């Protein structure tokens, strides 16, 4: 496969509401992308107010075999308020995307305003444990 990512941060919309993704148009874009030998998709928890991951499931997971694409997702550190949030948020992302594992998984936006999450919970250990369990292939 060719190396070129399909970013799912700014998707076609049917109106001004970022949650109203034009799934029909997106599916056409995905088909053209895949038909041209590309397969790497990049999404994150907050994109389109949480709907990007769902649009990925609808446009890719439900329409293509798992071995035909690569998915990169990002853990939303900015939503961690207590250690239990780690599992809750990760599980939500698995549900939203419809995958059993992420090919690439990152801690989203490591910076001074996400430092609190690192103080609250061991996010690095959490994703390392998910990798060991097979739910993440690459960190």
N, C-alpha and C. Protein backbone atom coordinates (compact mmCIF):
# COMPACT_ATOMS: atom_id res chain seq x y z
N UNK A 1 0.83 -1.19 0.00
CA UNK A 1 0.00 0.00 0.00
C UNK A 1 0.87 1.26 0.00
N UNK A 2 0.32 2.30 -0.55
CA UNK A 2 1.00 3.59 -0.59
C UNK A 2 0.90 4.27 0.77
N UNK A 3 1.84 5.13 1.07
CA UNK A 3 1.87 5.84 2.35
C UNK A 3 1.30 7.24 2.18
N UNK A 4 0.10 7.45 2.66
CA UNK A 4 -0.54 8.76 2.63
C UNK A 4 -1.78 8.65 3.50
N UNK A 5 -1.89 9.47 4.52
CA UNK A 5 -2.97 9.33 5.48
C UNK A 5 -4.24 10.07 5.11
N UNK A 6 -5.36 9.45 5.44
CA UNK A 6 -6.68 10.05 5.27
C UNK A 6 -7.06 10.61 6.64
N UNK A 7 -6.91 11.92 6.81
CA UNK A 7 -7.24 12.56 8.07
C UNK A 7 -8.73 12.75 8.22
N UNK A 8 -9.25 12.41 9.38
CA UNK A 8 -10.69 12.50 9.62
C UNK A 8 -11.03 13.61 10.61
N UNK A 9 -10.23 14.68 10.56
CA UNK A 9 -10.45 15.82 11.44
C UNK A 9 -11.46 16.80 10.85
N UNK A 10 -11.43 16.95 9.55
CA UNK A 10 -12.36 17.88 8.88
C UNK A 10 -13.06 17.14 7.75
N UNK A 11 -14.24 16.64 8.04
CA UNK A 11 -14.99 15.84 7.09
C UNK A 11 -16.11 16.66 6.45
N UNK A 12 -16.61 16.21 5.30
CA UNK A 12 -17.72 16.94 4.67
C UNK A 12 -18.95 16.91 5.59
N UNK A 13 -19.63 18.03 5.66
CA UNK A 13 -20.81 18.17 6.53
C UNK A 13 -22.02 18.52 5.69
N UNK A 14 -23.19 18.20 6.24
CA UNK A 14 -24.43 18.54 5.53
C UNK A 14 -24.95 19.91 5.93
N UNK A 15 -24.41 20.46 7.03
CA UNK A 15 -24.75 21.82 7.46
C UNK A 15 -23.63 22.32 8.38
N UNK A 16 -23.86 23.38 9.10
CA UNK A 16 -22.82 23.99 9.94
C UNK A 16 -22.49 23.20 11.20
N UNK A 17 -23.33 22.27 11.58
CA UNK A 17 -23.10 21.47 12.78
C UNK A 17 -22.02 20.43 12.49
N UNK A 18 -20.88 20.47 13.20
CA UNK A 18 -19.80 19.53 12.92
C UNK A 18 -20.17 18.06 13.14
N UNK A 19 -21.24 17.82 13.88
CA UNK A 19 -21.68 16.44 14.11
C UNK A 19 -22.47 15.88 12.92
N UNK A 20 -22.90 16.75 12.01
CA UNK A 20 -23.71 16.33 10.87
C UNK A 20 -22.80 16.06 9.67
N UNK A 21 -22.14 14.93 9.72
CA UNK A 21 -21.20 14.53 8.66
C UNK A 21 -22.00 14.01 7.47
N UNK A 22 -21.57 14.41 6.27
CA UNK A 22 -22.17 13.91 5.04
C UNK A 22 -21.56 12.54 4.76
N UNK A 23 -22.17 11.50 5.32
CA UNK A 23 -21.62 10.15 5.24
C UNK A 23 -21.57 9.64 3.80
N UNK A 24 -22.56 9.98 3.00
CA UNK A 24 -22.56 9.55 1.60
C UNK A 24 -21.34 10.11 0.86
N UNK A 25 -21.08 11.40 1.02
CA UNK A 25 -19.91 12.01 0.39
C UNK A 25 -18.62 11.42 0.96
N UNK A 26 -18.58 11.24 2.27
CA UNK A 26 -17.40 10.66 2.90
C UNK A 26 -17.13 9.25 2.35
N UNK A 27 -18.17 8.45 2.21
CA UNK A 27 -17.99 7.09 1.68
C UNK A 27 -17.41 7.12 0.27
N UNK A 28 -17.84 8.05 -0.55
CA UNK A 28 -17.28 8.19 -1.90
C UNK A 28 -15.80 8.54 -1.82
N UNK A 29 -15.45 9.44 -0.92
CA UNK A 29 -14.04 9.84 -0.74
C UNK A 29 -13.20 8.64 -0.29
N UNK A 30 -13.73 7.88 0.66
CA UNK A 30 -13.03 6.70 1.17
C UNK A 30 -12.83 5.68 0.04
N UNK A 31 -13.86 5.47 -0.76
CA UNK A 31 -13.75 4.50 -1.87
C UNK A 31 -12.67 4.93 -2.86
N UNK A 32 -12.62 6.19 -3.21
CA UNK A 32 -11.60 6.69 -4.14
C UNK A 32 -10.21 6.50 -3.52
N UNK A 33 -10.08 6.85 -2.26
CA UNK A 33 -8.82 6.71 -1.54
C UNK A 33 -8.35 5.25 -1.54
N UNK A 34 -9.24 4.34 -1.14
CA UNK A 34 -8.89 2.91 -1.09
C UNK A 34 -8.64 2.35 -2.49
N UNK A 35 -9.45 2.73 -3.46
CA UNK A 35 -9.28 2.25 -4.84
C UNK A 35 -7.94 2.66 -5.44
N UNK A 36 -7.35 3.72 -4.90
CA UNK A 36 -6.06 4.20 -5.40
C UNK A 36 -4.88 3.66 -4.60
N UNK A 37 -5.14 2.66 -3.77
CA UNK A 37 -4.05 1.97 -3.08
C UNK A 37 -3.65 2.53 -1.74
N UNK A 38 -4.46 3.39 -1.16
CA UNK A 38 -4.16 3.96 0.15
C UNK A 38 -5.01 3.25 1.21
N UNK A 39 -4.55 3.28 2.47
CA UNK A 39 -5.30 2.55 3.49
C UNK A 39 -5.13 3.05 4.93
N UNK A 40 -4.45 4.17 5.14
CA UNK A 40 -4.16 4.66 6.50
C UNK A 40 -5.14 5.76 6.88
N UNK A 41 -5.90 5.55 7.96
CA UNK A 41 -6.89 6.52 8.44
C UNK A 41 -6.48 7.02 9.82
N UNK A 42 -6.66 8.32 10.03
CA UNK A 42 -6.29 8.97 11.29
C UNK A 42 -7.50 9.70 11.85
N UNK A 43 -7.89 9.34 13.07
CA UNK A 43 -9.01 9.99 13.72
C UNK A 43 -8.66 10.26 15.18
N UNK A 44 -9.58 10.87 15.91
CA UNK A 44 -9.37 11.13 17.33
C UNK A 44 -10.72 11.36 18.00
N UNK A 45 -10.74 11.14 19.29
CA UNK A 45 -11.96 11.24 20.10
C UNK A 45 -12.73 12.56 19.89
N UNK A 46 -12.08 13.72 19.89
CA UNK A 46 -12.87 14.96 19.81
C UNK A 46 -13.25 15.42 18.41
N UNK A 47 -12.67 14.82 17.36
CA UNK A 47 -12.95 15.30 16.01
C UNK A 47 -14.45 15.21 15.70
N UNK A 48 -14.98 16.28 15.18
CA UNK A 48 -16.41 16.39 14.87
C UNK A 48 -17.28 16.07 16.11
N UNK A 49 -16.83 16.56 17.24
CA UNK A 49 -17.54 16.35 18.51
C UNK A 49 -17.83 14.87 18.76
N UNK A 50 -16.86 14.04 18.44
CA UNK A 50 -16.99 12.60 18.69
C UNK A 50 -17.55 11.80 17.53
N UNK A 51 -17.97 12.44 16.49
CA UNK A 51 -18.61 11.73 15.37
C UNK A 51 -17.63 11.23 14.32
N UNK A 52 -16.39 11.69 14.33
CA UNK A 52 -15.40 11.23 13.35
C UNK A 52 -15.15 9.73 13.50
N UNK A 53 -15.00 9.27 14.73
CA UNK A 53 -14.76 7.84 14.96
C UNK A 53 -15.95 7.02 14.46
N UNK A 54 -17.16 7.51 14.67
CA UNK A 54 -18.37 6.82 14.20
C UNK A 54 -18.41 6.82 12.67
N UNK A 55 -18.07 7.95 12.06
CA UNK A 55 -18.05 8.04 10.60
C UNK A 55 -17.01 7.08 10.02
N UNK A 56 -15.90 6.90 10.71
CA UNK A 56 -14.90 5.92 10.29
C UNK A 56 -15.51 4.52 10.29
N UNK A 57 -16.22 4.18 11.36
CA UNK A 57 -16.85 2.86 11.44
C UNK A 57 -17.83 2.66 10.29
N UNK A 58 -18.65 3.67 10.03
CA UNK A 58 -19.65 3.56 8.97
C UNK A 58 -19.01 3.48 7.58
N UNK A 59 -17.97 4.27 7.37
CA UNK A 59 -17.38 4.37 6.04
C UNK A 59 -16.32 3.33 5.73
N UNK A 60 -15.66 2.83 6.77
CA UNK A 60 -14.55 1.91 6.54
C UNK A 60 -14.84 0.53 7.16
N UNK A 61 -15.03 0.48 8.46
CA UNK A 61 -15.16 -0.79 9.17
C UNK A 61 -16.32 -1.63 8.64
N UNK A 62 -17.45 -1.00 8.41
CA UNK A 62 -18.63 -1.74 7.94
C UNK A 62 -18.57 -2.08 6.45
N UNK A 63 -17.58 -1.50 5.73
CA UNK A 63 -17.56 -1.66 4.28
C UNK A 63 -16.30 -2.33 3.73
N UNK A 64 -15.28 -2.48 4.57
CA UNK A 64 -14.02 -3.06 4.12
C UNK A 64 -13.53 -4.09 5.13
N UNK A 65 -12.83 -5.15 4.65
CA UNK A 65 -12.29 -6.13 5.60
C UNK A 65 -11.20 -5.52 6.47
N UNK A 66 -11.09 -5.99 7.70
CA UNK A 66 -10.16 -5.40 8.68
C UNK A 66 -8.72 -5.38 8.19
N UNK A 67 -8.30 -6.38 7.47
CA UNK A 67 -6.91 -6.43 7.02
C UNK A 67 -6.60 -5.44 5.89
N UNK A 68 -7.63 -4.75 5.39
CA UNK A 68 -7.41 -3.85 4.25
C UNK A 68 -7.11 -2.40 4.66
N UNK A 69 -7.17 -2.07 5.94
CA UNK A 69 -6.94 -0.69 6.37
C UNK A 69 -6.15 -0.64 7.67
N UNK A 70 -5.57 0.52 7.91
CA UNK A 70 -4.83 0.82 9.13
C UNK A 70 -5.54 1.99 9.80
N UNK A 71 -5.73 1.88 11.11
CA UNK A 71 -6.40 2.95 11.85
C UNK A 71 -5.47 3.47 12.96
N UNK A 72 -5.33 4.79 12.98
CA UNK A 72 -4.62 5.48 14.06
C UNK A 72 -5.65 6.29 14.83
N UNK A 73 -5.62 6.19 16.14
CA UNK A 73 -6.53 6.96 16.98
C UNK A 73 -5.72 7.54 18.13
N UNK A 74 -6.35 8.44 18.87
CA UNK A 74 -5.64 9.16 19.92
C UNK A 74 -6.47 9.19 21.20
N UNK A 75 -5.78 8.97 22.33
CA UNK A 75 -6.44 8.99 23.62
C UNK A 75 -6.66 10.42 24.09
N UNK A 76 -7.89 10.77 24.48
CA UNK A 76 -8.23 12.15 24.87
C UNK A 76 -7.83 12.48 26.31
N UNK A 77 -6.58 12.80 26.51
CA UNK A 77 -6.08 13.11 27.86
C UNK A 77 -6.90 14.19 28.55
N UNK A 78 -7.42 15.14 27.77
CA UNK A 78 -8.13 16.29 28.34
C UNK A 78 -9.45 15.92 29.01
N UNK A 79 -9.90 14.66 28.85
CA UNK A 79 -11.14 14.22 29.50
C UNK A 79 -10.89 13.35 30.73
N UNK A 80 -9.64 13.13 31.09
CA UNK A 80 -9.32 12.29 32.24
C UNK A 80 -9.44 13.11 33.53
N UNK A 81 -10.37 12.69 34.37
CA UNK A 81 -10.58 13.36 35.66
C UNK A 81 -10.25 12.43 36.83
N UNK A 82 -10.27 11.11 36.56
CA UNK A 82 -9.96 10.09 37.58
C UNK A 82 -9.43 8.85 36.86
N UNK A 83 -8.69 7.99 37.54
CA UNK A 83 -8.09 6.82 36.89
C UNK A 83 -9.09 5.94 36.12
N UNK A 84 -10.31 5.82 36.62
CA UNK A 84 -11.32 4.98 35.97
C UNK A 84 -11.69 5.49 34.57
N UNK A 85 -11.42 6.76 34.32
CA UNK A 85 -11.74 7.34 33.01
C UNK A 85 -10.94 6.69 31.89
N UNK A 86 -9.74 6.18 32.21
CA UNK A 86 -8.90 5.59 31.17
C UNK A 86 -9.63 4.46 30.46
N UNK A 87 -10.10 3.50 31.22
CA UNK A 87 -10.79 2.34 30.62
C UNK A 87 -12.10 2.77 29.95
N UNK A 88 -12.83 3.65 30.61
CA UNK A 88 -14.11 4.11 30.06
C UNK A 88 -13.91 4.77 28.69
N UNK A 89 -12.96 5.67 28.58
CA UNK A 89 -12.72 6.39 27.33
C UNK A 89 -12.18 5.46 26.24
N UNK A 90 -11.26 4.58 26.61
CA UNK A 90 -10.71 3.65 25.63
C UNK A 90 -11.82 2.74 25.09
N UNK A 91 -12.62 2.20 25.98
CA UNK A 91 -13.73 1.34 25.57
C UNK A 91 -14.70 2.09 24.65
N UNK A 92 -14.96 3.34 24.97
CA UNK A 92 -15.83 4.15 24.12
C UNK A 92 -15.25 4.30 22.72
N UNK A 93 -13.93 4.48 22.62
CA UNK A 93 -13.31 4.59 21.31
C UNK A 93 -13.38 3.28 20.53
N UNK A 94 -13.20 2.17 21.21
CA UNK A 94 -13.33 0.86 20.55
C UNK A 94 -14.75 0.70 20.02
N UNK A 95 -15.74 1.09 20.81
CA UNK A 95 -17.15 1.01 20.39
C UNK A 95 -17.42 1.95 19.22
N UNK A 96 -16.98 3.18 19.33
CA UNK A 96 -17.24 4.17 18.28
C UNK A 96 -16.64 3.75 16.94
N UNK A 97 -15.40 3.27 16.97
CA UNK A 97 -14.72 2.91 15.72
C UNK A 97 -15.13 1.54 15.20
N UNK A 98 -15.58 0.67 16.08
CA UNK A 98 -15.98 -0.66 15.65
C UNK A 98 -14.83 -1.63 15.42
N UNK A 99 -13.64 -1.27 15.88
CA UNK A 99 -12.49 -2.16 15.71
C UNK A 99 -12.21 -2.92 17.01
N UNK A 100 -11.48 -4.01 16.88
CA UNK A 100 -11.06 -4.77 18.07
C UNK A 100 -9.71 -4.31 18.57
N UNK A 101 -8.96 -3.64 17.68
CA UNK A 101 -7.65 -3.13 18.05
C UNK A 101 -7.32 -1.92 17.18
N UNK A 102 -6.43 -1.08 17.69
CA UNK A 102 -5.92 0.07 16.93
C UNK A 102 -4.53 -0.30 16.41
N UNK A 103 -4.27 0.04 15.15
CA UNK A 103 -2.94 -0.21 14.60
C UNK A 103 -1.93 0.75 15.21
N UNK A 104 -2.33 2.01 15.38
CA UNK A 104 -1.50 3.03 16.02
C UNK A 104 -2.37 3.76 17.04
N UNK A 105 -1.80 4.03 18.20
CA UNK A 105 -2.55 4.71 19.24
C UNK A 105 -1.62 5.68 19.95
N UNK A 106 -2.09 6.90 20.15
CA UNK A 106 -1.27 7.96 20.73
C UNK A 106 -1.97 8.62 21.91
N UNK A 107 -1.21 9.23 22.77
CA UNK A 107 -1.77 10.11 23.78
C UNK A 107 -1.93 11.46 23.10
N UNK A 108 -3.16 11.96 23.05
CA UNK A 108 -3.47 13.14 22.26
C UNK A 108 -3.06 14.43 22.95
N UNK A 109 -2.26 15.21 22.24
CA UNK A 109 -1.92 16.57 22.62
C UNK A 109 -1.23 16.66 23.99
N UNK A 110 -0.10 16.00 24.10
CA UNK A 110 0.69 16.12 25.33
C UNK A 110 1.21 17.55 25.45
N UNK A 111 0.75 18.25 26.46
CA UNK A 111 1.16 19.64 26.66
C UNK A 111 0.82 20.05 28.09
N UNK A 112 1.06 21.28 28.42
CA UNK A 112 0.85 21.73 29.80
C UNK A 112 -0.60 21.59 30.26
N UNK A 113 -1.57 21.74 29.36
CA UNK A 113 -2.96 21.64 29.81
C UNK A 113 -3.47 20.21 29.87
N UNK A 114 -2.65 19.22 29.47
CA UNK A 114 -3.02 17.82 29.66
C UNK A 114 -2.16 17.15 30.73
N UNK A 115 -1.23 17.91 31.33
CA UNK A 115 -0.39 17.38 32.40
C UNK A 115 -1.21 16.81 33.55
N UNK A 116 -2.35 17.40 33.83
CA UNK A 116 -3.19 16.95 34.94
C UNK A 116 -3.56 15.48 34.79
N UNK A 117 -3.88 15.07 33.57
CA UNK A 117 -4.23 13.67 33.32
C UNK A 117 -3.08 12.75 33.68
N UNK A 118 -1.86 13.17 33.40
CA UNK A 118 -0.70 12.35 33.71
C UNK A 118 -0.46 12.27 35.22
N UNK A 119 -0.88 13.31 35.94
CA UNK A 119 -0.79 13.29 37.40
C UNK A 119 -1.87 12.41 38.02
N UNK A 120 -3.04 12.37 37.39
CA UNK A 120 -4.18 11.62 37.92
C UNK A 120 -4.02 10.11 37.70
N UNK A 121 -3.53 9.74 36.54
CA UNK A 121 -3.46 8.33 36.18
C UNK A 121 -2.19 8.04 35.38
N UNK A 122 -1.77 6.80 35.40
CA UNK A 122 -0.58 6.41 34.64
C UNK A 122 -1.00 6.05 33.21
N UNK A 123 -1.16 7.08 32.40
CA UNK A 123 -1.63 6.91 31.02
C UNK A 123 -0.65 6.10 30.19
N UNK A 124 0.64 6.28 30.43
CA UNK A 124 1.64 5.53 29.66
C UNK A 124 1.54 4.03 29.95
N UNK A 125 1.39 3.69 31.22
CA UNK A 125 1.24 2.28 31.60
C UNK A 125 -0.07 1.73 31.02
N UNK A 126 -1.11 2.52 31.07
CA UNK A 126 -2.41 2.08 30.55
C UNK A 126 -2.31 1.67 29.08
N UNK A 127 -1.71 2.52 28.25
CA UNK A 127 -1.65 2.15 26.83
C UNK A 127 -0.64 1.03 26.59
N UNK A 128 0.41 0.94 27.40
CA UNK A 128 1.35 -0.18 27.29
C UNK A 128 0.63 -1.49 27.62
N UNK A 129 -0.22 -1.46 28.64
CA UNK A 129 -1.00 -2.65 29.00
C UNK A 129 -1.98 -3.03 27.89
N UNK A 130 -2.56 -2.04 27.24
CA UNK A 130 -3.48 -2.30 26.12
C UNK A 130 -2.71 -2.91 24.94
N UNK A 131 -1.49 -2.46 24.76
CA UNK A 131 -0.65 -3.05 23.69
C UNK A 131 -0.35 -4.50 24.02
N UNK A 132 0.03 -4.77 25.25
CA UNK A 132 0.32 -6.13 25.67
C UNK A 132 -0.90 -7.04 25.52
N UNK A 133 -2.09 -6.47 25.73
CA UNK A 133 -3.34 -7.23 25.60
C UNK A 133 -3.78 -7.41 24.14
N UNK A 134 -3.07 -6.75 23.22
CA UNK A 134 -3.41 -6.88 21.80
C UNK A 134 -4.42 -5.89 21.28
N UNK A 135 -4.82 -4.92 22.09
CA UNK A 135 -5.80 -3.92 21.65
C UNK A 135 -5.14 -2.73 20.97
N UNK A 136 -3.82 -2.65 21.06
CA UNK A 136 -3.03 -1.63 20.37
C UNK A 136 -1.84 -2.36 19.76
N UNK A 137 -1.57 -2.13 18.49
CA UNK A 137 -0.42 -2.76 17.84
C UNK A 137 0.85 -1.90 17.99
N UNK A 138 0.70 -0.59 17.83
CA UNK A 138 1.84 0.32 17.92
C UNK A 138 1.47 1.55 18.72
N UNK A 139 2.35 1.93 19.65
CA UNK A 139 2.14 3.13 20.46
C UNK A 139 2.99 4.25 19.86
